[in-house]
Protein backbone atom coordinates (compact mmCIF):
# COMPACT_ATOMS: atom_id res chain seq x y z
CA MET A 1 193.47 -48.64 -67.73
CA GLY A 2 191.89 -51.08 -65.17
CA SER A 3 189.34 -52.28 -67.99
CA LEU A 4 192.37 -52.44 -70.75
CA ALA A 5 194.45 -54.84 -68.27
CA SER A 6 191.05 -57.03 -67.79
CA SER A 7 190.45 -57.33 -71.39
CA LEU A 8 193.57 -58.42 -72.23
CA LYS A 9 193.53 -61.32 -69.70
CA GLN A 10 190.15 -62.45 -70.93
CA PRO A 11 189.60 -63.16 -74.65
CA THR A 12 186.57 -61.70 -76.22
CA THR A 13 184.02 -64.13 -77.41
CA LEU A 14 184.69 -63.29 -81.12
CA THR A 15 188.25 -64.28 -80.25
CA THR A 16 187.28 -67.19 -78.63
CA LYS A 17 185.07 -68.44 -81.64
CA LEU A 18 187.45 -67.84 -84.36
CA LEU A 19 190.29 -69.57 -82.53
CA CYS A 20 187.82 -72.52 -81.88
CA HIS A 21 186.65 -72.17 -85.59
CA SER A 22 190.28 -72.49 -87.05
CA TYR A 23 191.04 -75.35 -85.12
CA GLU A 24 188.24 -77.48 -85.91
CA GLN A 25 188.99 -76.93 -89.61
CA GLU A 26 192.46 -78.25 -89.31
CA ASP A 27 193.54 -81.71 -88.63
CA VAL A 28 196.15 -81.45 -86.24
CA VAL A 29 198.85 -84.43 -86.55
CA ASP A 30 201.37 -85.22 -83.88
CA GLN A 31 204.62 -84.89 -85.32
CA LYS A 32 206.47 -86.68 -82.58
CA ILE A 33 204.60 -89.92 -83.38
CA TYR A 34 205.50 -89.65 -86.93
CA PHE A 35 209.20 -89.19 -85.89
CA GLU A 36 209.29 -91.82 -83.35
CA GLU A 37 208.14 -94.74 -85.77
CA SER A 38 210.85 -93.56 -88.31
CA CYS A 39 213.69 -93.53 -85.42
CA LYS A 40 212.66 -96.56 -84.22
CA PRO A 41 214.61 -99.06 -86.71
CA LYS A 42 217.60 -96.92 -85.68
CA CYS A 43 217.31 -98.27 -82.06
CA VAL A 44 217.12 -102.04 -82.60
CA LYS A 45 220.10 -102.96 -80.37
CA PRO A 46 218.56 -101.37 -77.14
CA LEU A 47 214.98 -102.92 -78.17
CA LEU A 48 216.49 -106.32 -78.66
CA GLU A 49 218.09 -105.95 -75.22
CA TYR A 50 214.77 -104.75 -73.49
CA GLN A 51 213.12 -108.02 -75.25
CA ALA A 52 215.82 -110.17 -74.11
CA CYS A 53 215.39 -109.30 -70.61
CA VAL A 54 211.58 -109.33 -70.68
CA LYS A 55 212.05 -113.19 -71.80
CA ARG A 56 214.69 -113.70 -69.22
CA ILE A 57 212.48 -112.48 -66.09
CA GLN A 58 209.07 -113.86 -67.58
CA ASP A 59 209.00 -116.73 -65.04
CA ASP A 60 210.12 -114.64 -62.11
CA GLU A 61 207.24 -114.86 -59.47
CA SER A 62 209.00 -112.73 -56.83
CA GLY A 63 208.46 -109.48 -58.60
CA HIS A 64 211.89 -108.52 -57.69
CA LYS A 65 213.39 -108.39 -61.08
CA HIS A 66 212.48 -105.78 -63.77
CA CYS A 67 213.44 -104.56 -67.32
CA THR A 68 212.97 -100.72 -66.32
CA GLY A 69 216.68 -100.08 -67.38
CA GLN A 70 216.40 -101.53 -70.78
CA TYR A 71 212.95 -99.71 -71.40
CA PHE A 72 214.28 -96.46 -70.38
CA ASP A 73 217.70 -97.02 -72.78
CA TYR A 74 215.37 -97.94 -75.76
CA TRP A 75 213.25 -95.02 -75.35
CA HIS A 76 216.29 -92.50 -74.77
CA CYS A 77 217.46 -93.85 -78.12
CA VAL A 78 214.46 -92.85 -79.58
CA ASP A 79 213.99 -89.84 -77.97
CA LYS A 80 217.53 -88.59 -78.82
CA CYS A 81 216.97 -89.43 -82.52
CA VAL A 82 213.44 -87.42 -82.42
CA GLY A 83 214.52 -84.22 -80.87
CA PRO A 84 216.55 -82.75 -83.45
CA LYS A 85 214.07 -83.46 -86.11
CA LEU A 86 210.99 -82.44 -83.94
CA PHE A 87 212.38 -79.00 -82.77
CA ALA A 88 213.56 -78.47 -86.43
CA LYS A 89 209.65 -78.59 -87.57
CA LEU A 90 208.53 -76.52 -84.60
CA LYS A 91 211.00 -73.47 -85.60
């Protein structure tokens, strides 16, 4: 039983070669990037708020002002749109 357990933990050379070979032949496309691009137009309002904030603080030399909240609001909107589409593709 010990040899069976050890063989299950480590793939054989043949299995490793087959897995690597099959990955080399396929072009893997990150679906998330595609969905992000299609969702960005739906999040124009948070993007404009972020851009307005960046413009407002661009002359701040103290370093205390930032637009982190607006930045995360924008990406939250994009992620909220992407999530259902992406997980539907993964099923």
